[in-house]
Amino acid sequence: MANSDRAKQFASFDALKGLREALLQKEKNIVPKTELSEDKKAELDRILHRIKPNDIITVIYYEGNEYLKITGMVSRFSSSSRTLQIVNTKLSFDDIRDIELISSF
């Protein structure tokens, strides 16, 4: 075996194809949580008072140094504990930045 061929066998390779691309897509931009204005808080409060289980909503919320968006059916709503659950995602009212009521049943 030639020395040049022998060196090729020790060259790095991508053992898991697509891993690097997946890791790059998963990188997150850390975003600080923004403080809502009093007008925005009042608007969210009005919308939250209209929401009930089985409504379809879209929520933008803060979790883990980033803002996420979820659309789904409200499975639980508790104004006393200030929580909202969309399918399996439980959200605190304090983490919600925006809500859109898609359909109400």
C-alpha atoms as a PDB file:
ATOM      1  CA  MET A   1       0.000   0.000   0.000  1.00  0.00           C
ATOM      2  CA  ALA A   2       1.377   3.381  -0.999  1.00  0.00           C
ATOM      3  CA  ASN A   3       1.936   5.964   1.706  1.00  0.00           C
ATOM      4  CA  SER A   4      -0.587   8.358   0.083  1.00  0.00           C
ATOM      5  CA  ASP A   5      -3.271   5.651   0.087  1.00  0.00           C
ATOM      6  CA  ARG A   6      -2.465   4.724   3.633  1.00  0.00           C
ATOM      7  CA  ALA A   7      -2.990   8.314   4.850  1.00  0.00           C
ATOM      8  CA  LYS A   8      -6.457   8.423   3.271  1.00  0.00           C
ATOM      9  CA  GLN A   9      -7.723   5.691   5.565  1.00  0.00           C
ATOM     10  CA  PHE A  10      -7.120   7.958   8.572  1.00  0.00           C
ATOM     11  CA  ALA A  11      -8.796  11.006   7.061  1.00  0.00           C
ATOM     12  CA  SER A  12     -11.799  12.306   8.966  1.00  0.00           C
ATOM     13  CA  PHE A  13     -15.192  11.361   7.682  1.00  0.00           C
ATOM     14  CA  ASP A  14     -18.791  12.148   8.535  1.00  0.00           C
ATOM     15  CA  ALA A  15     -19.909   9.025  10.384  1.00  0.00           C
ATOM     16  CA  LEU A  16     -23.447  10.328  10.716  1.00  0.00           C
ATOM     17  CA  LYS A  17     -24.473  11.878   7.445  1.00  0.00           C
ATOM     18  CA  GLY A  18     -26.300  15.171   7.932  1.00  0.00           C
ATOM     19  CA  LEU A  19     -25.259  15.560  11.588  1.00  0.00           C
ATOM     20  CA  ARG A  20     -23.319  18.768  10.994  1.00  0.00           C
ATOM     21  CA  GLU A  21     -26.222  20.333   9.086  1.00  0.00           C
ATOM     22  CA  ALA A  22     -28.685  19.309  11.791  1.00  0.00           C
ATOM     23  CA  LEU A  23     -26.477  20.797  14.496  1.00  0.00           C
ATOM     24  CA  LEU A  24     -26.184  24.065  12.591  1.00  0.00           C
ATOM     25  CA  GLN A  25     -29.954  24.267  12.255  1.00  0.00           C
ATOM     26  CA  LYS A  26     -30.334  23.627  15.971  1.00  0.00           C
ATOM     27  CA  GLU A  27     -28.060  26.509  16.972  1.00  0.00           C
ATOM     28  CA  LYS A  28     -30.109  29.126  18.745  1.00  0.00           C
ATOM     29  CA  ASN A  29     -29.838  32.841  19.017  1.00  0.00           C
ATOM     30  CA  ILE A  30     -30.122  33.833  22.655  1.00  0.00           C
ATOM     31  CA  VAL A  31     -32.760  36.515  22.976  1.00  0.00           C
ATOM     32  CA  PRO A  32     -33.498  38.374  26.211  1.00  0.00           C
ATOM     33  CA  LYS A  33     -37.100  38.399  27.375  1.00  0.00           C
ATOM     34  CA  THR A  34     -38.765  41.697  26.525  1.00  0.00           C
ATOM     35  CA  GLU A  35     -40.977  43.572  28.949  1.00  0.00           C
ATOM     36  CA  LEU A  36     -44.474  44.163  27.573  1.00  0.00           C
ATOM     37  CA  SER A  37     -46.094  47.597  27.603  1.00  0.00           C
ATOM     38  CA  GLU A  38     -49.196  48.172  29.712  1.00  0.00           C
ATOM     39  CA  ASP A  39     -51.313  48.395  26.537  1.00  0.00           C
ATOM     40  CA  LYS A  40     -50.017  45.036  25.314  1.00  0.00           C
ATOM     41  CA  LYS A  41     -50.640  43.460  28.732  1.00  0.00           C
ATOM     42  CA  ALA A  42     -54.231  44.754  28.676  1.00  0.00           C
ATOM     43  CA  GLU A  43     -54.738  43.394  25.140  1.00  0.00           C
ATOM     44  CA  LEU A  44     -53.413  39.946  26.142  1.00  0.00           C
ATOM     45  CA  ASP A  45     -55.635  39.990  29.225  1.00  0.00           C
ATOM     46  CA  ARG A  46     -58.733  40.664  27.075  1.00  0.00           C
ATOM     47  CA  ILE A  47     -57.837  37.787  24.752  1.00  0.00           C
ATOM     48  CA  LEU A  48     -57.066  35.424  27.649  1.00  0.00           C
ATOM     49  CA  HIS A  49     -60.526  36.102  29.132  1.00  0.00           C
ATOM     50  CA  ARG A  50     -62.121  34.928  25.866  1.00  0.00           C
ATOM     51  CA  ILE A  51     -60.139  31.664  25.615  1.00  0.00           C
ATOM     52  CA  LYS A  52     -61.676  28.379  26.702  1.00  0.00           C
ATOM     53  CA  PRO A  53     -60.771  24.692  26.273  1.00  0.00           C
ATOM     54  CA  ASN A  54     -61.005  23.334  22.711  1.00  0.00           C
ATOM     55  CA  ASP A  55     -60.290  26.748  21.129  1.00  0.00           C
ATOM     56  CA  ILE A  56     -57.587  26.763  18.456  1.00  0.00           C
ATOM     57  CA  ILE A  57     -54.996  29.459  19.145  1.00  0.00           C
ATOM     58  CA  THR A  58     -51.523  30.576  18.136  1.00  0.00           C
ATOM     59  CA  VAL A  59     -49.217  31.740  20.928  1.00  0.00           C
ATOM     60  CA  ILE A  60     -45.772  33.301  20.845  1.00  0.00           C
ATOM     61  CA  TYR A  61     -44.064  32.597  24.154  1.00  0.00           C
ATOM     62  CA  TYR A  62     -40.658  32.803  25.813  1.00  0.00           C
ATOM     63  CA  GLU A  63     -38.819  29.624  26.765  1.00  0.00           C
ATOM     64  CA  GLY A  64     -35.146  28.794  27.188  1.00  0.00           C
ATOM     65  CA  ASN A  65     -33.672  32.097  25.962  1.00  0.00           C
ATOM     66  CA  GLU A  66     -35.776  32.243  22.799  1.00  0.00           C
ATOM     67  CA  TYR A  67     -39.267  33.004  21.559  1.00  0.00           C
ATOM     68  CA  LEU A  68     -41.259  30.082  20.194  1.00  0.00           C
ATOM     69  CA  LYS A  69     -44.545  29.910  18.315  1.00  0.00           C
ATOM     70  CA  ILE A  70     -47.138  27.181  18.785  1.00  0.00           C
ATOM     71  CA  THR A  71     -50.546  26.640  17.217  1.00  0.00           C
ATOM     72  CA  GLY A  72     -52.963  24.104  18.600  1.00  0.00           C
ATOM     73  CA  MET A  73     -56.017  23.291  20.673  1.00  0.00           C
ATOM     74  CA  VAL A  74     -56.305  24.581  24.217  1.00  0.00           C
ATOM     75  CA  SER A  75     -56.481  21.518  26.440  1.00  0.00           C
ATOM     76  CA  ARG A  76     -56.438  23.342  29.799  1.00  0.00           C
ATOM     77  CA  PHE A  77     -56.882  26.900  30.959  1.00  0.00           C
ATOM     78  CA  SER A  78     -56.557  28.104  34.541  1.00  0.00           C
ATOM     79  CA  SER A  79     -56.849  31.770  35.399  1.00  0.00           C
ATOM     80  CA  SER A  80     -56.203  31.004  39.094  1.00  0.00           C
ATOM     81  CA  SER A  81     -52.808  29.365  38.446  1.00  0.00           C
ATOM     82  CA  ARG A  82     -52.207  31.647  35.423  1.00  0.00           C
ATOM     83  CA  THR A  83     -51.422  28.751  33.077  1.00  0.00           C
ATOM     84  CA  LEU A  84     -52.529  27.735  29.637  1.00  0.00           C
ATOM     85  CA  GLN A  85     -51.935  24.335  28.067  1.00  0.00           C
ATOM     86  CA  ILE A  86     -51.914  23.826  24.315  1.00  0.00           C
ATOM     87  CA  VAL A  87     -51.997  20.082  23.657  1.00  0.00           C
ATOM     88  CA  ASN A  88     -48.976  18.997  25.799  1.00  0.00           C
ATOM     89  CA  THR A  89     -47.239  22.372  26.117  1.00  0.00           C
ATOM     90  CA  LYS A  90     -47.925  24.150  29.413  1.00  0.00           C
ATOM     91  CA  LEU A  91     -47.395  27.919  29.370  1.00  0.00           C
ATOM     92  CA  SER A  92     -47.328  30.544  32.074  1.00  0.00           C
ATOM     93  CA  PHE A  93     -49.251  33.745  31.337  1.00  0.00           C
ATOM     94  CA  ASP A  94     -46.054  35.661  32.187  1.00  0.00           C
ATOM     95  CA  ASP A  95     -44.183  34.020  29.284  1.00  0.00           C
ATOM     96  CA  ILE A  96     -46.780  34.855  26.627  1.00  0.00           C
ATOM     97  CA  ARG A  97     -45.907  37.667  24.241  1.00  0.00           C
ATOM     98  CA  ASP A  98     -48.746  37.364  21.729  1.00  0.00           C
ATOM     99  CA  ILE A  99     -51.948  35.344  21.227  1.00  0.00           C
ATOM    100  CA  GLU A 100     -54.180  34.907  18.219  1.00  0.00           C
ATOM    101  CA  LEU A 101     -57.540  33.179  18.520  1.00  0.00           C
ATOM    102  CA  ILE A 102     -57.922  31.074  15.353  1.00  0.00           C
ATOM    103  CA  SER A 103     -61.287  29.442  16.034  1.00  0.00           C
ATOM    104  CA  SER A 104     -63.590  29.185  19.002  1.00  0.00           C
ATOM    105  CA  PHE A 105     -65.963  26.316  19.764  1.00  0.00           C
END
